[in-house]
Amino acid sequence: MALERKCTMRRSGSCQTVKTRPLVSKYKACGLRFTAFIFSHVGLSALVVCYSILGAFVFRALEAPNEEEKAGEVIDMRQKMVKRLWGITYDLNVLYKDNWTRLVVAEIKQFQSDLIAAVKDGYDGKELGAAHQWSFSGSLLYCLTVITTIGYGNSAPRTSWGKMTTILYAVVGIPLMFMYLTNIGDILAKSLKYIYIRLCTCGPNDSHRRIKYTENYQVQHTEGHNSPFASAIQDKLSVHSEAEARTEAVPNEAREDVEREEPQTSVPITLCLLILVGYILGGATVFSSWEGWGFLDGSYFCFVILSTIGFGDLVPGRSVASGHASQEKLIICSLYLLIGMTLIAMCFNVMQEEMVQKIRNCGLMIGIIRQTIDEDDLPS
């Protein structure tokens, strides 16, 4: 009986290990798949968007109450000043210009200093109930300006929790944004190069050249394997026997040599510049019509935001009346920024190869760079 108990204990233990091991392996496989998806192109795009939306909710919850509080304080300050001015006028009874002006100027100076202090604490001049700076769309634009290192300066956290959260948010978000731009820019650059090569290269010439090289290789390879005895016999044979000569397919190494000899087609720099200029001019047309700017100001704004300079002198949403329209335009501005940064990364990735080749050719012409010759290429 004791032996049977031990066996049952062992069997039960083995059954538990058999059941737990597949579960652990499944969890590990799911974790690896999830990690691979996160760091893929689609996963990185979704991660950046979700990270920006999450940051918008967090900063709205941290900064919006402080903004509303400052707006209420300024309204109370303004009402108190109006009461004091009425009290000055009522107490003097007979209006003496000098006395009244002296007292009113003192009150206005005090109100002015209090108003400047409120602006430094986050007051943006809007009344309670209006669309404030730290709405969802404004917070979303702020998050994108943080992780893209634009930093307008008009939107800045005023609370202690907001400042600490900005530090942590930027520490994680900036590397994430750089990873996103690198990967997405790389795949877009490869797609643009593939489309350009398909549209601009001549297919028949390339195929004819490869067929010609294949025939030459087969003839040379066949002659190299023929012995002197076989060549003597081939002289006596008819022309039909020549067709029976052994030919071999071109190996992969020879095909790689053909591909190396063929001129590589690269996307010209002018095409990348045209894409960037067209994107900037399109954004300038939209923002100038929305905000009432001139076309030059709209182009200046789009260039500053896409180049991550971010002066902050022109910011969307200021001249538009408060409401849902301005909030939707701020969201469109955020999408314009995100797509524009991706296009810039794509164009820089495409232009890098062309610029390196041009600089190398210039160095060869001047004599700064010497053309190296491999030992395998030297004649024996």
Protein backbone atom coordinates (compact mmCIF):
# COMPACT_ATOMS: atom_id res chain seq x y z
CA MET A 1 0.00 0.00 0.00
CA ALA A 2 2.86 2.32 0.79
CA LEU A 3 4.40 1.68 -2.58
CA GLU A 4 1.13 2.49 -4.31
CA ARG A 5 0.87 5.77 -2.41
CA LYS A 6 4.35 6.74 -3.44
CA CYS A 7 3.60 5.88 -7.01
CA THR A 8 0.43 7.86 -6.91
CA MET A 9 2.32 10.76 -5.37
CA ARG A 10 4.97 10.53 -8.05
CA ARG A 11 2.42 10.15 -10.76
CA SER A 12 0.44 13.11 -9.46
CA GLY A 13 3.64 15.15 -9.27
CA SER A 14 4.58 14.23 -12.82
CA CYS A 15 1.09 15.12 -13.97
CA GLN A 16 1.41 18.54 -12.36
CA THR A 17 4.74 19.20 -14.07
CA VAL A 18 3.33 18.06 -17.40
CA LYS A 19 0.37 20.41 -16.98
CA THR A 20 2.39 23.42 -15.77
CA ARG A 21 5.15 23.26 -18.34
CA PRO A 22 2.90 23.79 -21.39
CA LEU A 23 1.23 26.73 -19.63
CA VAL A 24 4.59 28.36 -18.92
CA SER A 25 5.72 27.81 -22.50
CA LYS A 26 2.46 29.28 -23.78
CA TYR A 27 2.87 32.35 -21.58
CA LYS A 28 6.45 32.78 -22.78
CA ALA A 29 5.38 32.42 -26.41
CA CYS A 30 2.59 34.97 -25.92
CA GLY A 31 5.01 37.34 -24.22
CA LEU A 32 7.52 37.02 -27.06
CA ARG A 33 4.82 37.59 -29.66
CA PHE A 34 3.53 40.63 -27.79
CA THR A 35 7.06 42.07 -27.52
CA ALA A 36 7.69 41.45 -31.21
CA PHE A 37 4.41 43.17 -32.09
CA ILE A 38 5.21 46.17 -29.86
CA PHE A 39 8.55 46.71 -31.56
CA SER A 40 7.20 46.14 -35.06
CA HIS A 41 6.19 48.99 -37.34
CA VAL A 42 2.47 48.75 -36.60
CA GLY A 43 3.12 48.22 -32.91
CA LEU A 44 5.39 51.25 -32.64
CA SER A 45 2.84 53.47 -34.38
CA ALA A 46 0.06 52.28 -32.08
CA LEU A 47 2.34 52.66 -29.06
CA VAL A 48 3.21 56.28 -29.91
CA VAL A 49 -0.44 57.18 -30.47
CA CYS A 50 -1.57 55.48 -27.25
CA TYR A 51 1.28 57.06 -25.30
CA SER A 52 0.32 60.53 -26.55
CA ILE A 53 -3.38 60.00 -25.76
CA LEU A 54 -2.55 58.68 -22.30
CA GLY A 55 -0.34 61.70 -21.66
CA ALA A 56 -3.12 64.02 -22.80
CA PHE A 57 -5.51 62.57 -20.19
CA VAL A 58 -2.84 62.73 -17.47
CA PHE A 59 -1.82 66.34 -18.08
CA ARG A 60 -5.43 67.42 -18.45
CA ALA A 61 -6.20 65.92 -15.04
CA LEU A 62 -3.14 67.58 -13.47
CA GLU A 63 -3.21 71.06 -15.02
CA ALA A 64 -6.84 71.80 -15.91
CA PRO A 65 -8.02 72.34 -12.27
CA ASN A 66 -5.16 74.77 -11.64
CA GLU A 67 -6.02 76.65 -14.83
CA GLU A 68 -9.68 76.99 -13.83
CA GLU A 69 -8.67 78.09 -10.35
CA LYS A 70 -6.44 80.86 -11.72
CA ALA A 71 -9.20 82.03 -14.05
CA GLY A 72 -11.60 82.30 -11.10
CA GLU A 73 -9.02 84.25 -9.06
CA VAL A 74 -8.54 86.77 -11.88
CA ILE A 75 -12.31 87.27 -12.19
CA ASP A 76 -12.58 87.95 -8.44
CA MET A 77 -9.62 90.32 -8.65
CA ARG A 78 -11.26 92.25 -11.46
CA GLN A 79 -14.57 92.57 -9.63
CA LYS A 80 -12.85 93.79 -6.48
CA MET A 81 -11.00 96.43 -8.46
CA VAL A 82 -14.24 97.69 -9.97
CA LYS A 83 -15.70 97.99 -6.45
CA ARG A 84 -12.67 99.91 -5.21
CA LEU A 85 -12.85 102.32 -8.14
CA TRP A 86 -16.52 102.90 -7.40
CA GLY A 87 -15.64 103.47 -3.73
CA ILE A 88 -13.02 106.06 -4.66
CA THR A 89 -15.50 107.90 -6.86
CA TYR A 90 -18.20 107.73 -4.18
CA ASP A 91 -15.94 108.93 -1.34
CA LEU A 92 -14.61 111.94 -3.20
CA ASN A 93 -18.18 112.98 -4.05
CA VAL A 94 -16.96 116.14 -5.79
CA LEU A 95 -14.63 114.98 -8.56
CA TYR A 96 -11.23 116.52 -8.19
CA LYS A 97 -9.16 115.37 -11.11
CA ASP A 98 -5.81 115.21 -9.32
CA ASN A 99 -7.00 113.26 -6.29
CA TRP A 100 -9.18 110.88 -8.30
CA THR A 101 -6.44 110.22 -10.89
CA ARG A 102 -3.84 109.56 -8.19
CA LEU A 103 -5.97 106.99 -6.38
CA VAL A 104 -7.18 105.27 -9.56
CA VAL A 105 -3.65 104.98 -10.99
CA ALA A 106 -2.49 103.32 -7.78
CA GLU A 107 -5.32 100.78 -8.01
CA ILE A 108 -4.61 100.06 -11.68
CA LYS A 109 -0.91 99.49 -10.96
CA GLN A 110 -1.79 97.03 -8.23
CA PHE A 111 -4.20 95.20 -10.51
CA GLN A 112 -1.59 95.12 -13.26
CA SER A 113 1.04 93.48 -11.03
CA ASP A 114 -1.50 90.95 -9.75
CA LEU A 115 -2.54 90.13 -13.31
CA ILE A 116 1.06 89.56 -14.42
CA ALA A 117 1.57 87.20 -11.49
CA ALA A 118 -1.59 85.30 -12.48
CA VAL A 119 -0.36 84.97 -16.08
CA LYS A 120 2.93 83.51 -14.83
CA ASP A 121 0.94 81.01 -12.79
CA GLY A 122 -0.96 79.81 -15.86
CA TYR A 123 -3.79 82.26 -16.59
CA ASP A 124 -4.36 82.49 -20.37
CA GLY A 125 -6.96 85.28 -20.44
CA LYS A 126 -9.99 83.05 -21.01
CA GLU A 127 -13.14 83.11 -18.93
CA LEU A 128 -14.55 80.21 -16.98
CA GLY A 129 -16.43 77.74 -19.16
CA ALA A 130 -14.48 78.60 -22.30
CA ALA A 131 -12.09 76.23 -24.11
CA HIS A 132 -8.94 76.41 -22.01
CA GLN A 133 -5.36 75.68 -22.82
CA TRP A 134 -5.33 72.33 -21.00
CA SER A 135 -8.26 70.77 -22.82
CA PHE A 136 -7.84 67.29 -24.31
CA SER A 137 -6.72 68.61 -27.70
CA GLY A 138 -4.38 71.17 -26.14
CA SER A 139 -2.90 68.52 -23.85
CA LEU A 140 -2.44 66.17 -26.82
CA LEU A 141 -0.57 68.85 -28.74
CA TYR A 142 1.55 69.53 -25.65
CA CYS A 143 2.48 65.82 -25.37
CA LEU A 144 3.57 65.71 -29.00
CA THR A 145 5.66 68.86 -28.61
CA VAL A 146 7.37 67.24 -25.61
CA ILE A 147 8.28 63.89 -27.18
CA THR A 148 9.29 65.51 -30.49
CA THR A 149 11.45 68.07 -28.59
CA ILE A 150 9.66 71.03 -30.24
CA GLY A 151 8.70 72.79 -27.02
CA TYR A 152 6.61 75.81 -28.00
CA GLY A 153 6.83 77.44 -24.59
CA ASN A 154 3.26 78.75 -24.53
CA SER A 155 2.07 75.52 -22.86
CA ALA A 156 4.02 74.63 -19.76
CA PRO A 157 3.05 72.84 -16.54
CA ARG A 158 2.46 75.08 -13.52
CA THR A 159 1.89 72.53 -10.79
CA SER A 160 4.62 70.49 -9.09
CA TRP A 161 3.05 67.21 -10.14
CA GLY A 162 2.81 68.43 -13.71
CA LYS A 163 6.51 69.33 -13.81
CA MET A 164 7.60 65.97 -12.39
CA THR A 165 5.28 64.14 -14.77
CA THR A 166 6.73 66.07 -17.72
CA ILE A 167 10.24 64.92 -16.80
CA LEU A 168 9.22 61.27 -16.58
CA TYR A 169 7.04 61.53 -19.67
CA ALA A 170 9.88 63.01 -21.74
CA VAL A 171 12.44 60.46 -20.49
CA VAL A 172 10.29 57.63 -21.84
CA GLY A 173 8.64 59.42 -24.76
CA ILE A 174 11.66 60.94 -26.52
CA PRO A 175 13.49 57.61 -27.10
CA LEU A 176 10.17 56.05 -28.09
CA MET A 177 9.61 58.81 -30.65
CA PHE A 178 13.12 58.46 -32.06
CA MET A 179 12.61 54.69 -32.39
CA TYR A 180 9.30 55.30 -34.14
CA LEU A 181 10.79 57.80 -36.58
CA THR A 182 13.75 55.52 -37.32
CA ASN A 183 11.68 52.42 -38.06
CA ILE A 184 8.78 54.07 -39.86
CA GLY A 185 11.13 56.34 -41.80
CA ASP A 186 13.17 53.31 -42.88
CA ILE A 187 10.19 51.33 -44.18
CA LEU A 188 8.74 54.40 -45.95
CA ALA A 189 12.14 55.12 -47.51
CA LYS A 190 12.37 51.55 -48.82
CA SER A 191 8.82 51.80 -50.18
CA LEU A 192 9.56 55.10 -51.92
CA LYS A 193 12.77 53.72 -53.40
CA TYR A 194 10.99 50.57 -54.60
CA ILE A 195 8.20 52.58 -56.26
CA TYR A 196 10.68 54.98 -57.86
CA ILE A 197 12.80 52.13 -59.26
CA ARG A 198 9.71 50.39 -60.62
CA LEU A 199 8.51 53.56 -62.32
CA CYS A 200 11.81 54.95 -63.63
CA THR A 201 14.07 52.01 -64.50
CA CYS A 202 14.02 50.28 -67.88
CA GLY A 203 13.17 46.61 -67.45
CA PRO A 204 13.92 45.23 -70.99
CA ASN A 205 17.54 46.45 -71.01
CA ASP A 206 18.26 44.87 -67.64
CA SER A 207 16.75 41.52 -68.61
CA HIS A 208 18.61 41.52 -71.97
CA ARG A 209 21.88 42.22 -70.19
CA ARG A 210 21.37 39.38 -67.73
CA ILE A 211 20.52 36.91 -70.54
CA LYS A 212 23.63 37.94 -72.48
CA TYR A 213 25.84 37.55 -69.42
CA THR A 214 24.32 34.13 -68.74
CA GLU A 215 25.09 32.91 -72.27
CA ASN A 216 28.68 34.18 -72.09
CA TYR A 217 29.17 32.50 -68.74
CA GLN A 218 27.85 29.17 -70.01
CA VAL A 219 30.15 29.23 -73.06
CA GLN A 220 33.22 30.14 -70.99
CA HIS A 221 32.41 27.54 -68.35
CA THR A 222 31.93 24.85 -71.00
CA GLU A 223 35.25 25.64 -72.69
CA GLY A 224 37.04 25.60 -69.38
CA HIS A 225 35.95 22.03 -68.60
CA ASN A 226 36.81 20.55 -72.04
CA SER A 227 39.95 18.38 -72.23
CA PRO A 228 42.42 18.39 -75.23
CA PHE A 229 41.16 14.97 -76.31
CA ALA A 230 37.59 16.19 -76.26
CA SER A 231 38.47 19.27 -78.27
CA ALA A 232 40.10 17.10 -80.97
CA ILE A 233 37.00 14.97 -81.19
CA GLN A 234 34.78 18.06 -81.37
CA ASP A 235 36.69 19.25 -84.45
CA LYS A 236 35.66 16.09 -86.30
CA LEU A 237 32.08 16.14 -85.12
CA SER A 238 29.33 17.94 -86.94
CA VAL A 239 27.61 21.12 -85.94
CA HIS A 240 24.80 19.11 -84.29
CA SER A 241 27.20 17.59 -81.82
CA GLU A 242 28.18 21.03 -80.58
CA ALA A 243 24.68 21.47 -79.19
CA GLU A 244 25.29 18.45 -77.01
CA ALA A 245 28.13 20.20 -75.17
CA ARG A 246 27.65 20.30 -71.43
CA THR A 247 26.38 23.61 -70.10
CA GLU A 248 25.77 24.55 -66.52
CA ALA A 249 23.55 27.10 -64.85
CA VAL A 250 24.94 30.33 -63.56
CA PRO A 251 25.70 30.02 -59.84
CA ASN A 252 24.54 32.49 -57.23
CA GLU A 253 27.99 34.10 -56.93
CA ALA A 254 28.01 35.03 -60.60
CA ARG A 255 24.50 36.46 -60.31
CA GLU A 256 25.63 38.59 -57.37
CA ASP A 257 28.52 39.86 -59.49
CA VAL A 258 26.05 40.85 -62.21
CA GLU A 259 23.92 42.70 -59.70
CA ARG A 260 26.99 44.49 -58.37
CA GLU A 261 28.02 45.54 -61.86
CA GLU A 262 24.58 46.93 -62.64
CA PRO A 263 24.19 50.62 -61.77
CA GLN A 264 22.12 51.15 -58.63
CA THR A 265 19.19 53.50 -59.01
CA SER A 266 18.67 55.91 -56.12
CA VAL A 267 15.92 58.39 -55.41
CA PRO A 268 17.07 61.91 -56.31
CA ILE A 269 17.32 64.55 -53.64
CA THR A 270 15.08 66.89 -55.62
CA LEU A 271 12.17 64.47 -55.29
CA CYS A 272 12.56 64.39 -51.49
CA LEU A 273 12.73 68.17 -51.36
CA LEU A 274 9.61 68.43 -53.51
CA ILE A 275 7.75 66.13 -51.11
CA LEU A 276 8.75 68.25 -48.11
CA VAL A 277 8.00 71.56 -49.84
CA GLY A 278 4.62 70.29 -51.00
CA TYR A 279 3.72 69.12 -47.49
CA ILE A 280 4.74 72.47 -46.00
CA LEU A 281 2.83 74.48 -48.62
CA GLY A 282 -0.26 72.31 -48.16
CA GLY A 283 -0.18 72.85 -44.41
CA ALA A 284 0.43 76.57 -44.91
CA THR A 285 -2.70 76.82 -47.06
CA VAL A 286 -4.84 75.09 -44.44
CA PHE A 287 -3.53 76.91 -41.36
CA SER A 288 -3.54 80.34 -43.01
CA SER A 289 -7.24 79.92 -43.90
CA TRP A 290 -8.11 78.64 -40.39
CA GLU A 291 -6.16 81.12 -38.30
CA GLY A 292 -6.41 84.20 -40.51
CA TRP A 293 -2.64 84.29 -41.10
CA GLY A 294 -0.90 85.29 -44.28
CA PHE A 295 0.49 82.58 -46.51
CA LEU A 296 4.03 83.48 -45.47
CA ASP A 297 3.13 83.16 -41.80
CA GLY A 298 1.49 79.79 -42.47
CA SER A 299 4.58 78.52 -44.30
CA TYR A 300 6.79 79.88 -41.54
CA PHE A 301 4.70 78.11 -38.90
CA CYS A 302 4.77 74.76 -40.74
CA PHE A 303 8.53 74.94 -41.26
CA VAL A 304 9.18 75.84 -37.63
CA ILE A 305 6.99 73.05 -36.29
CA LEU A 306 8.35 70.35 -38.64
CA SER A 307 11.98 71.34 -38.08
CA THR A 308 11.39 71.09 -34.28
CA ILE A 309 12.57 74.68 -33.78
CA GLY A 310 9.33 75.73 -32.08
CA PHE A 311 9.63 79.46 -31.40
CA GLY A 312 6.05 79.64 -30.14
CA ASP A 313 5.26 83.04 -31.66
CA LEU A 314 2.60 81.46 -33.89
CA VAL A 315 0.44 78.81 -32.24
CA PRO A 316 -2.79 77.35 -33.72
CA GLY A 317 -6.03 77.88 -31.87
CA ARG A 318 -5.45 81.40 -30.55
CA SER A 319 -7.31 83.42 -33.14
CA VAL A 320 -10.14 80.92 -33.56
CA ALA A 321 -13.24 81.34 -31.46
CA SER A 322 -13.45 78.95 -28.53
CA GLY A 323 -15.54 75.87 -29.07
CA HIS A 324 -15.45 72.46 -30.73
CA ALA A 325 -14.04 73.88 -33.97
CA SER A 326 -10.80 75.04 -32.34
CA GLN A 327 -10.41 71.73 -30.49
CA GLU A 328 -10.79 69.73 -33.70
CA LYS A 329 -8.23 71.94 -35.41
CA LEU A 330 -5.74 71.36 -32.61
CA ILE A 331 -6.16 67.60 -33.09
CA ILE A 332 -5.62 68.01 -36.84
CA CYS A 333 -2.51 70.04 -36.06
CA SER A 334 -1.26 67.16 -33.89
CA LEU A 335 -1.81 64.68 -36.73
CA TYR A 336 -0.09 67.06 -39.15
CA LEU A 337 2.91 67.19 -36.83
CA LEU A 338 3.10 63.40 -36.40
CA ILE A 339 2.79 62.65 -40.12
CA GLY A 340 5.21 65.45 -41.02
CA MET A 341 7.89 64.13 -38.69
CA THR A 342 7.53 60.72 -40.32
CA LEU A 343 7.92 62.23 -43.80
CA ILE A 344 11.03 64.12 -42.71
CA ALA A 345 12.54 60.91 -41.33
CA MET A 346 11.73 59.15 -44.62
CA CYS A 347 13.29 61.88 -46.76
CA PHE A 348 16.41 62.09 -44.61
CA ASN A 349 16.81 58.32 -44.84
CA VAL A 350 16.47 58.44 -48.62
CA MET A 351 18.78 61.44 -49.04
CA GLN A 352 21.49 59.98 -46.83
CA GLU A 353 22.59 57.39 -49.39
CA GLU A 354 22.61 59.89 -52.23
CA MET A 355 24.55 62.47 -50.23
CA VAL A 356 27.18 59.93 -49.14
CA GLN A 357 27.68 58.83 -52.76
CA LYS A 358 28.01 62.41 -54.01
CA ILE A 359 30.49 63.34 -51.28
CA ARG A 360 32.52 60.22 -52.05
CA ASN A 361 32.62 61.03 -55.76
CA CYS A 362 33.65 64.59 -54.97
CA GLY A 363 36.43 63.28 -52.73
CA LEU A 364 37.64 60.97 -55.50
CA MET A 365 37.72 63.83 -57.98
CA ILE A 366 39.64 66.12 -55.62
CA GLY A 367 42.00 63.36 -54.53
CA ILE A 368 41.10 63.30 -50.85
CA ILE A 369 39.81 59.73 -51.12
CA ARG A 370 41.74 57.04 -52.95
CA GLN A 371 39.92 54.29 -54.74
CA THR A 372 40.89 50.96 -53.21
CA ILE A 373 41.33 47.88 -55.37
CA ASP A 374 40.69 44.43 -53.99
CA GLU A 375 43.34 41.74 -54.38
CA ASP A 376 40.83 39.42 -56.06
CA ASP A 377 40.30 41.98 -58.82
CA LEU A 378 44.02 42.15 -59.70
CA PRO A 379 45.11 40.04 -62.72
CA SER A 380 47.01 36.88 -61.82
